[in-house]
Amino acid sequence: MAARGLKDLTTLILVGPEEIIRQELKPYGTIPSKLVIRHASEVIGMEESPALAIRKKKDNSISRMMDMITAGEADAAVSAGNTGAMVVAATLKLRTLEGIQRPAIATVMPTSGRPIVVIDAGANTDCTPEMLVEFGVMGSVYSREILGQAKPVVGLMSIGGEDSKGNETTKEAFRLLSAAPLNFRGNVEGHDLFRGETDVVVCDGFVGNVVLKTSESVAHTIGSWLKKEFKANPIRILGALLLRGALKTIKKRMDPEMFGGAPLLGVKGVCIITHGSSSRTAIFHAVRVACESVGHHVNDHIIEEVSKLKKTT
């Protein structure tokens, strides 16, 4: 889909065991000229230790993608594989952008209004206040450049909206964010996430990952409940048919696959992480977002905004 449908894509390189890749491509007929296969003899499994696998499996597909970015052979990497391995490989091989202490995973989630960026969503379980401020800068740039929010509203995840709420880390982060060159609204709570009034929610990776997986679980459960109840009797089935258009619209608005995966922001290259069960549509949009991130020079803007941040601290 991506090789045939994205005009801005000049070359799409599939990295992995060549024989397996060619077998998977057979049902799609002639391979587009812009699609290239790069052999990698090893694969990192989902249950493997990221750091150990990166060290022992030298010819794994994720490391090979990072090597290609470093060598200037590729601009971006997209993977539906081991998330931890992507973070470790990108951090070790690409290194962080100037002024950034640690990279962070930014997850885009649908809301009742505009989509929201939750950062960090799992890369860093323990963070300093300074790191949280950098996350706010990176999330704001991504929201502006990729999601089209002219002046993104940034909030800090806490246990209350008042300035005094939170632990020592979030209280200090609140102070730093208030002085940063950001459109900072203050603390936000869990029930603020889906109101569509905030564009970027800053938190450590522990909190962000819990928020992400809980939200996914709730959405899946509600969907299962609706299917079960609509099929309970003929009258409800008729009602479901009458509501089919509305239900399709709601499903489309709630579909996270349309947002193109989660970018790992803060490294010298574009890295997009997708879910292990991603559909072809999800991969298409992940490649699309990778192209847009390169075209919009997201990393250059992050360096510029972090430089402004350092001047205020």
C-alpha atoms as a PDB file:
ATOM      1  CA  MET A   1       0.000   0.000   0.000  1.00  0.00           C
ATOM      2  CA  ALA A   2       2.671   2.508   1.027  1.00  0.00           C
ATOM      3  CA  ALA A   3       4.980   1.775  -1.924  1.00  0.00           C
ATOM      4  CA  ARG A   4       2.119   2.314  -4.355  1.00  0.00           C
ATOM      5  CA  GLY A   5       0.130   4.998  -2.561  1.00  0.00           C
ATOM      6  CA  LEU A   6       2.586   7.532  -1.114  1.00  0.00           C
ATOM      7  CA  LYS A   7       3.826  10.021  -3.694  1.00  0.00           C
ATOM      8  CA  ASP A   8       6.447  11.536  -1.371  1.00  0.00           C
ATOM      9  CA  LEU A   9       8.024   8.142  -0.761  1.00  0.00           C
ATOM     10  CA  THR A  10      11.051   7.656  -3.025  1.00  0.00           C
ATOM     11  CA  THR A  11      12.250   4.299  -1.699  1.00  0.00           C
ATOM     12  CA  LEU A  12      10.782   1.817   0.769  1.00  0.00           C
ATOM     13  CA  ILE A  13      13.304  -0.684   2.134  1.00  0.00           C
ATOM     14  CA  LEU A  14      12.020  -3.872   3.743  1.00  0.00           C
ATOM     15  CA  VAL A  15      14.594  -5.149   6.240  1.00  0.00           C
ATOM     16  CA  GLY A  16      14.563  -8.752   7.449  1.00  0.00           C
ATOM     17  CA  PRO A  17      15.032 -12.354   6.265  1.00  0.00           C
ATOM     18  CA  GLU A  18      14.831 -11.965   2.473  1.00  0.00           C
ATOM     19  CA  GLU A  19      13.217 -15.323   1.729  1.00  0.00           C
ATOM     20  CA  ILE A  20      10.395 -14.701   4.199  1.00  0.00           C
ATOM     21  CA  ILE A  21       9.813 -11.187   2.881  1.00  0.00           C
ATOM     22  CA  ARG A  22       9.587 -12.411  -0.728  1.00  0.00           C
ATOM     23  CA  GLN A  23       7.099 -15.101   0.279  1.00  0.00           C
ATOM     24  CA  GLU A  24       4.920 -12.487   1.968  1.00  0.00           C
ATOM     25  CA  LEU A  25       5.045 -10.249  -1.112  1.00  0.00           C
ATOM     26  CA  LYS A  26       4.002 -12.954  -3.603  1.00  0.00           C
ATOM     27  CA  PRO A  27       0.219 -12.428  -3.240  1.00  0.00           C
ATOM     28  CA  TYR A  28       0.642  -8.761  -4.225  1.00  0.00           C
ATOM     29  CA  GLY A  29       2.034  -9.458  -7.688  1.00  0.00           C
ATOM     30  CA  THR A  30       4.738  -7.311  -9.257  1.00  0.00           C
ATOM     31  CA  ILE A  31       6.922  -5.532  -6.697  1.00  0.00           C
ATOM     32  CA  PRO A  32       7.005  -1.734  -7.258  1.00  0.00           C
ATOM     33  CA  SER A  33      10.390  -0.386  -8.319  1.00  0.00           C
ATOM     34  CA  LYS A  34      10.590   1.847  -5.255  1.00  0.00           C
ATOM     35  CA  LEU A  35      10.381  -1.186  -2.937  1.00  0.00           C
ATOM     36  CA  VAL A  36      13.771  -2.688  -2.036  1.00  0.00           C
ATOM     37  CA  ILE A  37      14.603  -5.684   0.155  1.00  0.00           C
ATOM     38  CA  ARG A  38      17.591  -5.577   2.507  1.00  0.00           C
ATOM     39  CA  HIS A  39      18.486  -8.942   4.047  1.00  0.00           C
ATOM     40  CA  ALA A  40      18.954  -9.263   7.823  1.00  0.00           C
ATOM     41  CA  SER A  41      19.530 -12.787   9.083  1.00  0.00           C
ATOM     42  CA  GLU A  42      18.231 -12.298  12.633  1.00  0.00           C
ATOM     43  CA  VAL A  43      14.972 -11.161  14.220  1.00  0.00           C
ATOM     44  CA  ILE A  44      14.347  -9.968  17.778  1.00  0.00           C
ATOM     45  CA  GLY A  45      11.323 -11.683  19.309  1.00  0.00           C
ATOM     46  CA  MET A  46       8.659  -9.835  21.269  1.00  0.00           C
ATOM     47  CA  GLU A  47       9.569 -11.587  24.523  1.00  0.00           C
ATOM     48  CA  GLU A  48      13.325 -11.129  24.262  1.00  0.00           C
ATOM     49  CA  SER A  49      15.306  -8.754  26.460  1.00  0.00           C
ATOM     50  CA  PRO A  50      15.919  -5.690  24.239  1.00  0.00           C
ATOM     51  CA  ALA A  51      19.410  -4.836  25.489  1.00  0.00           C
ATOM     52  CA  LEU A  52      20.575  -8.467  25.456  1.00  0.00           C
ATOM     53  CA  ALA A  53      19.149  -9.137  22.001  1.00  0.00           C
ATOM     54  CA  ILE A  54      20.695  -5.998  20.504  1.00  0.00           C
ATOM     55  CA  ARG A  55      24.063  -7.019  21.910  1.00  0.00           C
ATOM     56  CA  LYS A  56      23.960 -10.695  20.883  1.00  0.00           C
ATOM     57  CA  LYS A  57      22.077 -10.554  17.581  1.00  0.00           C
ATOM     58  CA  LYS A  58      24.304  -8.253  15.557  1.00  0.00           C
ATOM     59  CA  ASP A  59      22.440  -8.831  12.285  1.00  0.00           C
ATOM     60  CA  ASN A  60      18.925  -8.198  13.589  1.00  0.00           C
ATOM     61  CA  SER A  61      16.523  -6.185  11.424  1.00  0.00           C
ATOM     62  CA  ILE A  62      16.022  -3.343  13.911  1.00  0.00           C
ATOM     63  CA  SER A  63      19.748  -2.665  14.303  1.00  0.00           C
ATOM     64  CA  ARG A  64      20.192  -2.828  10.538  1.00  0.00           C
ATOM     65  CA  MET A  65      17.565  -0.106  10.091  1.00  0.00           C
ATOM     66  CA  MET A  66      19.410   2.134  12.530  1.00  0.00           C
ATOM     67  CA  ASP A  67      22.707   1.452  10.748  1.00  0.00           C
ATOM     68  CA  MET A  68      21.114   2.532   7.471  1.00  0.00           C
ATOM     69  CA  ILE A  69      19.923   5.808   9.000  1.00  0.00           C
ATOM     70  CA  THR A  70      23.377   6.464  10.445  1.00  0.00           C
ATOM     71  CA  ALA A  71      24.969   5.760   7.069  1.00  0.00           C
ATOM     72  CA  GLY A  72      22.560   8.092   5.284  1.00  0.00           C
ATOM     73  CA  GLU A  73      20.925   5.229   3.356  1.00  0.00           C
ATOM     74  CA  ALA A  74      17.539   5.846   4.991  1.00  0.00           C
ATOM     75  CA  ASP A  75      15.756   8.766   6.638  1.00  0.00           C
ATOM     76  CA  ALA A  76      13.320   6.870   8.826  1.00  0.00           C
ATOM     77  CA  ALA A  77      12.619   3.492  10.418  1.00  0.00           C
ATOM     78  CA  VAL A  78       9.193   1.909  10.956  1.00  0.00           C
ATOM     79  CA  SER A  79       8.756  -1.240  13.044  1.00  0.00           C
ATOM     80  CA  ALA A  80       5.928  -3.338  14.455  1.00  0.00           C
ATOM     81  CA  GLY A  81       8.449  -5.399  16.389  1.00  0.00           C
ATOM     82  CA  ASN A  82       9.900  -5.275  19.890  1.00  0.00           C
ATOM     83  CA  THR A  83       9.335  -1.736  21.200  1.00  0.00           C
ATOM     84  CA  GLY A  84      12.136  -1.934  23.751  1.00  0.00           C
ATOM     85  CA  ALA A  85      14.568  -3.030  21.060  1.00  0.00           C
ATOM     86  CA  MET A  86      13.612  -0.030  18.925  1.00  0.00           C
ATOM     87  CA  VAL A  87      14.244   2.327  21.839  1.00  0.00           C
ATOM     88  CA  VAL A  88      17.562   0.697  22.781  1.00  0.00           C
ATOM     89  CA  ALA A  89      18.855   0.453  19.203  1.00  0.00           C
ATOM     90  CA  ALA A  90      17.849   4.020  18.334  1.00  0.00           C
ATOM     91  CA  THR A  91      19.381   5.424  21.520  1.00  0.00           C
ATOM     92  CA  LEU A  92      22.652   3.527  21.129  1.00  0.00           C
ATOM     93  CA  LYS A  93      23.134   3.821  17.384  1.00  0.00           C
ATOM     94  CA  LEU A  94      21.488   7.120  16.467  1.00  0.00           C
ATOM     95  CA  ARG A  95      22.118   8.977  19.720  1.00  0.00           C
ATOM     96  CA  THR A  96      19.924  11.766  21.050  1.00  0.00           C
ATOM     97  CA  LEU A  97      19.394  15.185  19.520  1.00  0.00           C
ATOM     98  CA  GLU A  98      21.362  18.128  20.863  1.00  0.00           C
ATOM     99  CA  GLY A  99      19.831  19.271  24.156  1.00  0.00           C
ATOM    100  CA  ILE A 100      17.740  16.120  24.691  1.00  0.00           C
ATOM    101  CA  GLN A 101      18.612  13.856  27.629  1.00  0.00           C
ATOM    102  CA  ARG A 102      16.431  10.857  26.722  1.00  0.00           C
ATOM    103  CA  PRO A 103      14.140  10.038  23.795  1.00  0.00           C
ATOM    104  CA  ALA A 104      10.442   9.560  24.484  1.00  0.00           C
ATOM    105  CA  ILE A 105       7.563   7.681  22.855  1.00  0.00           C
ATOM    106  CA  ALA A 106       4.726   9.957  21.764  1.00  0.00           C
ATOM    107  CA  THR A 107       1.352   8.254  21.364  1.00  0.00           C
ATOM    108  CA  VAL A 108      -1.492   9.983  19.549  1.00  0.00           C
ATOM    109  CA  MET A 109      -4.947   9.236  20.949  1.00  0.00           C
ATOM    110  CA  PRO A 110      -8.419  10.267  19.694  1.00  0.00           C
ATOM    111  CA  THR A 111     -10.585  12.523  21.854  1.00  0.00           C
ATOM    112  CA  SER A 112     -13.998  14.193  21.631  1.00  0.00           C
ATOM    113  CA  GLY A 113     -12.212  17.065  19.902  1.00  0.00           C
ATOM    114  CA  ARG A 114      -8.749  17.140  18.404  1.00  0.00           C
ATOM    115  CA  PRO A 115      -6.269  14.268  18.876  1.00  0.00           C
ATOM    116  CA  ILE A 116      -3.964  14.343  21.892  1.00  0.00           C
ATOM    117  CA  VAL A 117      -0.268  13.466  22.172  1.00  0.00           C
ATOM    118  CA  VAL A 118       0.680  11.540  25.328  1.00  0.00           C
ATOM    119  CA  ILE A 119       4.436  11.676  25.974  1.00  0.00           C
ATOM    120  CA  ASP A 120       6.216   9.624  27.332  1.00  0.00           C
ATOM    121  CA  ALA A 121       4.267   6.415  26.666  1.00  0.00           C
ATOM    122  CA  GLY A 122       6.813   3.888  27.868  1.00  0.00           C
ATOM    123  CA  ALA A 123      10.441   4.662  27.030  1.00  0.00           C
ATOM    124  CA  ASN A 124      11.435   6.085  30.445  1.00  0.00           C
ATOM    125  CA  THR A 125       9.849   4.814  33.655  1.00  0.00           C
ATOM    126  CA  ASP A 126      11.870   7.191  35.870  1.00  0.00           C
ATOM    127  CA  CYS A 127      12.198  10.808  34.814  1.00  0.00           C
ATOM    128  CA  THR A 128      13.636  14.044  36.131  1.00  0.00           C
ATOM    129  CA  PRO A 129      11.617  17.283  35.987  1.00  0.00           C
ATOM    130  CA  GLU A 130      13.978  18.535  33.276  1.00  0.00           C
ATOM    131  CA  MET A 131      13.228  15.478  31.131  1.00  0.00           C
ATOM    132  CA  LEU A 132       9.488  16.076  31.464  1.00  0.00           C
ATOM    133  CA  VAL A 133       9.943  19.626  30.189  1.00  0.00           C
ATOM    134  CA  GLU A 134      11.897  18.320  27.185  1.00  0.00           C
ATOM    135  CA  PHE A 135       9.060  15.870  26.537  1.00  0.00           C
ATOM    136  CA  GLY A 136       6.663  18.806  26.514  1.00  0.00           C
ATOM    137  CA  VAL A 137       8.765  20.587  23.905  1.00  0.00           C
ATOM    138  CA  MET A 138       9.035  17.507  21.681  1.00  0.00           C
ATOM    139  CA  GLY A 139       5.330  16.697  21.964  1.00  0.00           C
ATOM    140  CA  SER A 140       4.426  20.291  21.158  1.00  0.00           C
ATOM    141  CA  VAL A 141       6.579  20.263  18.010  1.00  0.00           C
ATOM    142  CA  TYR A 142       5.031  16.974  16.858  1.00  0.00           C
ATOM    143  CA  SER A 143       1.494  18.240  17.499  1.00  0.00           C
ATOM    144  CA  ARG A 144       2.234  21.396  15.530  1.00  0.00           C
ATOM    145  CA  GLU A 145       4.104  19.881  12.588  1.00  0.00           C
ATOM    146  CA  ILE A 146       2.254  16.577  12.100  1.00  0.00           C
ATOM    147  CA  LEU A 147      -1.190  17.094  13.644  1.00  0.00           C
ATOM    148  CA  GLY A 148      -1.534  20.689  12.498  1.00  0.00           C
ATOM    149  CA  GLN A 149      -2.156  22.415  15.845  1.00  0.00           C
ATOM    150  CA  ALA A 150      -0.845  25.956  15.381  1.00  0.00           C
ATOM    151  CA  LYS A 151      -0.253  26.578  19.090  1.00  0.00           C
ATOM    152  CA  PRO A 152      -0.495  23.272  20.970  1.00  0.00           C
ATOM    153  CA  VAL A 153      -1.842  23.364  24.515  1.00  0.00           C
ATOM    154  CA  VAL A 154       0.455  21.433  26.879  1.00  0.00           C
ATOM    155  CA  GLY A 155      -0.670  19.858  30.153  1.00  0.00           C
ATOM    156  CA  LEU A 156       1.164  17.967  32.890  1.00  0.00           C
ATOM    157  CA  MET A 157      -0.434  14.728  34.097  1.00  0.00           C
ATOM    158  CA  SER A 158      -1.047  14.855  37.845  1.00  0.00           C
ATOM    159  CA  ILE A 159      -3.543  13.841  40.518  1.00  0.00           C
ATOM    160  CA  GLY A 160      -5.264  17.219  40.615  1.00  0.00           C
ATOM    161  CA  GLY A 161      -5.629  20.406  38.637  1.00  0.00           C
ATOM    162  CA  GLU A 162      -4.250  22.625  41.396  1.00  0.00           C
ATOM    163  CA  ASP A 163      -0.634  23.806  41.182  1.00  0.00           C
ATOM    164  CA  SER A 164       0.194  22.184  44.514  1.00  0.00           C
ATOM    165  CA  LYS A 165      -0.942  18.662  43.513  1.00  0.00           C
ATOM    166  CA  GLY A 166       1.458  15.869  42.547  1.00  0.00           C
ATOM    167  CA  ASN A 167       4.731  14.380  43.725  1.00  0.00           C
ATOM    168  CA  GLU A 168       8.015  16.261  44.048  1.00  0.00           C
ATOM    169  CA  THR A 169       8.973  15.489  40.439  1.00  0.00           C
ATOM    170  CA  THR A 170       5.733  16.814  38.941  1.00  0.00           C
ATOM    171  CA  LYS A 171       5.723  19.864  41.212  1.00  0.00           C
ATOM    172  CA  GLU A 172       9.183  20.854  40.001  1.00  0.00           C
ATOM    173  CA  ALA A 173       8.234  20.009  36.415  1.00  0.00           C
ATOM    174  CA  PHE A 174       5.194  22.270  36.805  1.00  0.00           C
ATOM    175  CA  ARG A 175       7.456  25.149  37.827  1.00  0.00           C
ATOM    176  CA  LEU A 176       9.805  24.569  34.900  1.00  0.00           C
ATOM    177  CA  LEU A 177       6.997  24.136  32.371  1.00  0.00           C
ATOM    178  CA  SER A 178       5.392  27.369  33.569  1.00  0.00           C
ATOM    179  CA  ALA A 179       8.601  29.241  32.682  1.00  0.00           C
ATOM    180  CA  ALA A 180       9.193  27.382  29.393  1.00  0.00           C
ATOM    181  CA  PRO A 181       8.329  28.846  25.959  1.00  0.00           C
ATOM    182  CA  LEU A 182       5.247  26.609  25.692  1.00  0.00           C
ATOM    183  CA  ASN A 183       1.498  27.112  25.755  1.00  0.00           C
ATOM    184  CA  PHE A 184       1.285  25.445  29.178  1.00  0.00           C
ATOM    185  CA  ARG A 185      -2.178  25.124  30.744  1.00  0.00           C
ATOM    186  CA  GLY A 186      -1.059  23.523  34.013  1.00  0.00           C
ATOM    187  CA  ASN A 187      -1.923  20.169  35.547  1.00  0.00           C
ATOM    188  CA  VAL A 188      -4.428  17.826  33.922  1.00  0.00           C
ATOM    189  CA  GLU A 189      -6.109  14.756  35.383  1.00  0.00           C
ATOM    190  CA  GLY A 190      -7.182  11.464  33.855  1.00  0.00           C
ATOM    191  CA  HIS A 191     -10.694  12.705  33.121  1.00  0.00           C
ATOM    192  CA  ASP A 192      -9.264  15.632  31.125  1.00  0.00           C
ATOM    193  CA  LEU A 193      -7.594  13.386  28.544  1.00  0.00           C
ATOM    194  CA  PHE A 194     -10.519  12.806  26.197  1.00  0.00           C
ATOM    195  CA  ARG A 195     -12.191  16.214  26.412  1.00  0.00           C
ATOM    196  CA  GLY A 196     -10.176  17.516  23.474  1.00  0.00           C
ATOM    197  CA  GLU A 197      -9.031  20.663  25.293  1.00  0.00           C
ATOM    198  CA  THR A 198      -5.335  19.697  25.565  1.00  0.00           C
ATOM    199  CA  ASP A 199      -2.992  18.821  22.694  1.00  0.00           C
ATOM    200  CA  VAL A 200      -0.012  17.398  24.603  1.00  0.00           C
ATOM    201  CA  VAL A 201      -0.044  15.576  27.941  1.00  0.00           C
ATOM    202  CA  VAL A 202       3.353  15.178  29.606  1.00  0.00           C
ATOM    203  CA  CYS A 203       4.108  12.292  31.976  1.00  0.00           C
ATOM    204  CA  ASP A 204       6.778   9.721  32.715  1.00  0.00           C
ATOM    205  CA  GLY A 205       6.795   6.471  30.766  1.00  0.00           C
ATOM    206  CA  PHE A 206       5.334   4.445  33.631  1.00  0.00           C
ATOM    207  CA  VAL A 207       2.216   6.593  33.888  1.00  0.00           C
ATOM    208  CA  GLY A 208       1.945   7.064  30.132  1.00  0.00           C
ATOM    209  CA  ASN A 209       2.081   3.359  29.380  1.00  0.00           C
ATOM    210  CA  VAL A 210      -0.591   2.605  31.987  1.00  0.00           C
ATOM    211  CA  VAL A 211      -2.805   5.354  30.511  1.00  0.00           C
ATOM    212  CA  LEU A 212      -2.315   4.032  26.978  1.00  0.00           C
ATOM    213  CA  LYS A 213      -3.014   0.362  27.742  1.00  0.00           C
ATOM    214  CA  THR A 214      -5.951   1.146  30.028  1.00  0.00           C
ATOM    215  CA  SER A 215      -7.515   3.328  27.327  1.00  0.00           C
ATOM    216  CA  GLU A 216      -7.025   0.600  24.706  1.00  0.00           C
ATOM    217  CA  SER A 217      -8.609  -1.950  27.038  1.00  0.00           C
ATOM    218  CA  VAL A 218     -11.624   0.258  27.782  1.00  0.00           C
ATOM    219  CA  ALA A 219     -12.210   0.925  24.071  1.00  0.00           C
ATOM    220  CA  HIS A 220     -11.972  -2.803  23.275  1.00  0.00           C
ATOM    221  CA  THR A 221     -14.326  -3.730  26.129  1.00  0.00           C
ATOM    222  CA  ILE A 222     -16.949  -1.161  25.128  1.00  0.00           C
ATOM    223  CA  GLY A 223     -16.795  -2.424  21.555  1.00  0.00           C
ATOM    224  CA  SER A 224     -17.319  -6.005  22.747  1.00  0.00           C
ATOM    225  CA  TRP A 225     -20.258  -4.950  24.932  1.00  0.00           C
ATOM    226  CA  LEU A 226     -21.929  -3.139  22.045  1.00  0.00           C
ATOM    227  CA  LYS A 227     -21.586  -6.142  19.713  1.00  0.00           C
ATOM    228  CA  LYS A 228     -22.975  -8.493  22.350  1.00  0.00           C
ATOM    229  CA  GLU A 229     -25.945  -6.294  23.242  1.00  0.00           C
ATOM    230  CA  PHE A 230     -26.844  -5.474  19.625  1.00  0.00           C
ATOM    231  CA  LYS A 231     -26.963  -9.213  18.824  1.00  0.00           C
ATOM    232  CA  ALA A 232     -29.112 -10.030  21.864  1.00  0.00           C
ATOM    233  CA  ASN A 233     -32.440 -10.004  19.956  1.00  0.00           C
ATOM    234  CA  PRO A 234     -33.896  -9.149  16.498  1.00  0.00           C
ATOM    235  CA  ILE A 235     -35.110  -5.701  17.560  1.00  0.00           C
ATOM    236  CA  ARG A 236     -31.642  -4.674  18.686  1.00  0.00           C
ATOM    237  CA  ILE A 237     -30.171  -6.048  15.458  1.00  0.00           C
ATOM    238  CA  LEU A 238     -32.589  -3.808  13.535  1.00  0.00           C
ATOM    239  CA  GLY A 239     -31.558  -0.876  15.701  1.00  0.00           C
ATOM    240  CA  ALA A 240     -27.909  -1.611  14.962  1.00  0.00           C
ATOM    241  CA  LEU A 241     -28.650  -1.578  11.219  1.00  0.00           C
ATOM    242  CA  LEU A 242     -30.326   1.816  11.562  1.00  0.00           C
ATOM    243  CA  LEU A 243     -27.328   3.115  13.500  1.00  0.00           C
ATOM    244  CA  ARG A 244     -24.750   1.560  11.177  1.00  0.00           C
ATOM    245  CA  GLY A 245     -23.642   4.858   9.661  1.00  0.00           C
ATOM    246  CA  ALA A 246     -23.191   6.530  13.035  1.00  0.00           C
ATOM    247  CA  LEU A 247     -21.377   3.514  14.463  1.00  0.00           C
ATOM    248  CA  LYS A 248     -18.957   3.445  11.519  1.00  0.00           C
ATOM    249  CA  THR A 249     -18.203   7.126  12.026  1.00  0.00           C
ATOM    250  CA  ILE A 250     -17.531   6.607  15.733  1.00  0.00           C
ATOM    251  CA  LYS A 251     -15.330   3.595  14.991  1.00  0.00           C
ATOM    252  CA  LYS A 252     -13.310   5.604  12.476  1.00  0.00           C
ATOM    253  CA  ARG A 253     -12.816   8.471  14.945  1.00  0.00           C
ATOM    254  CA  MET A 254     -11.661   6.034  17.631  1.00  0.00           C
ATOM    255  CA  ASP A 255      -9.299   4.113  15.335  1.00  0.00           C
ATOM    256  CA  PRO A 256      -5.707   4.682  16.540  1.00  0.00           C
ATOM    257  CA  GLU A 257      -4.318   3.125  13.343  1.00  0.00           C
ATOM    258  CA  MET A 258      -5.161   6.302  11.431  1.00  0.00           C
ATOM    259  CA  PHE A 259      -2.581   8.266  13.440  1.00  0.00           C
ATOM    260  CA  GLY A 260       0.380   6.279  12.132  1.00  0.00           C
ATOM    261  CA  GLY A 261       1.952   4.658  15.163  1.00  0.00           C
ATOM    262  CA  ALA A 262       4.020   6.215  17.937  1.00  0.00           C
ATOM    263  CA  PRO A 263       7.122   8.249  17.070  1.00  0.00           C
ATOM    264  CA  LEU A 264      10.227   7.891  19.211  1.00  0.00           C
ATOM    265  CA  LEU A 265      11.100  11.567  19.536  1.00  0.00           C
ATOM    266  CA  GLY A 266      14.512  12.894  20.484  1.00  0.00           C
ATOM    267  CA  VAL A 267      16.849  10.704  18.411  1.00  0.00           C
ATOM    268  CA  LYS A 268      18.884  11.647  15.337  1.00  0.00           C
ATOM    269  CA  GLY A 269      16.526  10.096  12.838  1.00  0.00           C
ATOM    270  CA  VAL A 270      12.834   9.370  12.469  1.00  0.00           C
ATOM    271  CA  CYS A 271      11.622   6.216  14.235  1.00  0.00           C
ATOM    272  CA  ILE A 272       7.982   5.127  14.212  1.00  0.00           C
ATOM    273  CA  ILE A 273       6.825   2.309  16.493  1.00  0.00           C
ATOM    274  CA  THR A 274       3.628   0.432  15.687  1.00  0.00           C
ATOM    275  CA  HIS A 275       1.691  -2.270  17.486  1.00  0.00           C
ATOM    276  CA  GLY A 276       2.700  -5.890  16.990  1.00  0.00           C
ATOM    277  CA  SER A 277      -0.781  -6.689  15.649  1.00  0.00           C
ATOM    278  CA  SER A 278      -0.855  -3.725  13.270  1.00  0.00           C
ATOM    279  CA  SER A 279      -2.952  -4.123  10.132  1.00  0.00           C
ATOM    280  CA  ARG A 280      -1.821  -3.124   6.641  1.00  0.00           C
ATOM    281  CA  THR A 281      -3.703   0.151   7.158  1.00  0.00           C
ATOM    282  CA  ALA A 282      -1.752   0.880  10.340  1.00  0.00           C
ATOM    283  CA  ILE A 283       1.567   0.204   8.609  1.00  0.00           C
ATOM    284  CA  PHE A 284       0.546   2.409   5.679  1.00  0.00           C
ATOM    285  CA  HIS A 285      -0.159   5.330   8.004  1.00  0.00           C
ATOM    286  CA  ALA A 286       3.031   4.663   9.983  1.00  0.00           C
ATOM    287  CA  VAL A 287       5.054   5.001   6.778  1.00  0.00           C
ATOM    288  CA  ARG A 288       3.018   8.082   5.853  1.00  0.00           C
ATOM    289  CA  VAL A 289       3.782   9.749   9.186  1.00  0.00           C
ATOM    290  CA  ALA A 290       7.460   8.823   8.835  1.00  0.00           C
ATOM    291  CA  CYS A 291       7.529  10.608   5.459  1.00  0.00           C
ATOM    292  CA  GLU A 292       5.731  13.628   6.919  1.00  0.00           C
ATOM    293  CA  SER A 293       8.137  13.795   9.868  1.00  0.00           C
ATOM    294  CA  VAL A 294      11.087  13.863   7.484  1.00  0.00           C
ATOM    295  CA  GLY A 295       9.409  16.379   5.180  1.00  0.00           C
ATOM    296  CA  HIS A 296       8.433  18.693   8.037  1.00  0.00           C
ATOM    297  CA  HIS A 297      11.951  18.530   9.539  1.00  0.00           C
ATOM    298  CA  VAL A 298      10.549  17.598  12.947  1.00  0.00           C
ATOM    299  CA  ASN A 299      14.003  16.977  14.444  1.00  0.00           C
ATOM    300  CA  ASP A 300      15.315  20.359  13.305  1.00  0.00           C
ATOM    301  CA  HIS A 301      12.334  22.053  14.943  1.00  0.00           C
ATOM    302  CA  ILE A 302      12.886  20.087  18.164  1.00  0.00           C
ATOM    303  CA  ILE A 303      16.528  21.231  18.304  1.00  0.00           C
ATOM    304  CA  GLU A 304      15.425  24.815  17.679  1.00  0.00           C
ATOM    305  CA  GLU A 305      12.747  24.759  20.392  1.00  0.00           C
ATOM    306  CA  VAL A 306      14.994  23.014  22.933  1.00  0.00           C
ATOM    307  CA  SER A 307      17.621  25.688  22.295  1.00  0.00           C
ATOM    308  CA  LYS A 308      15.023  28.336  23.173  1.00  0.00           C
ATOM    309  CA  LEU A 309      14.145  26.322  26.293  1.00  0.00           C
ATOM    310  CA  LYS A 310      17.752  26.218  27.506  1.00  0.00           C
ATOM    311  CA  LYS A 311      17.985  29.997  27.212  1.00  0.00           C
ATOM    312  CA  THR A 312      15.070  30.398  29.635  1.00  0.00           C
ATOM    313  CA  THR A 313      16.504  28.090  32.322  1.00  0.00           C
END
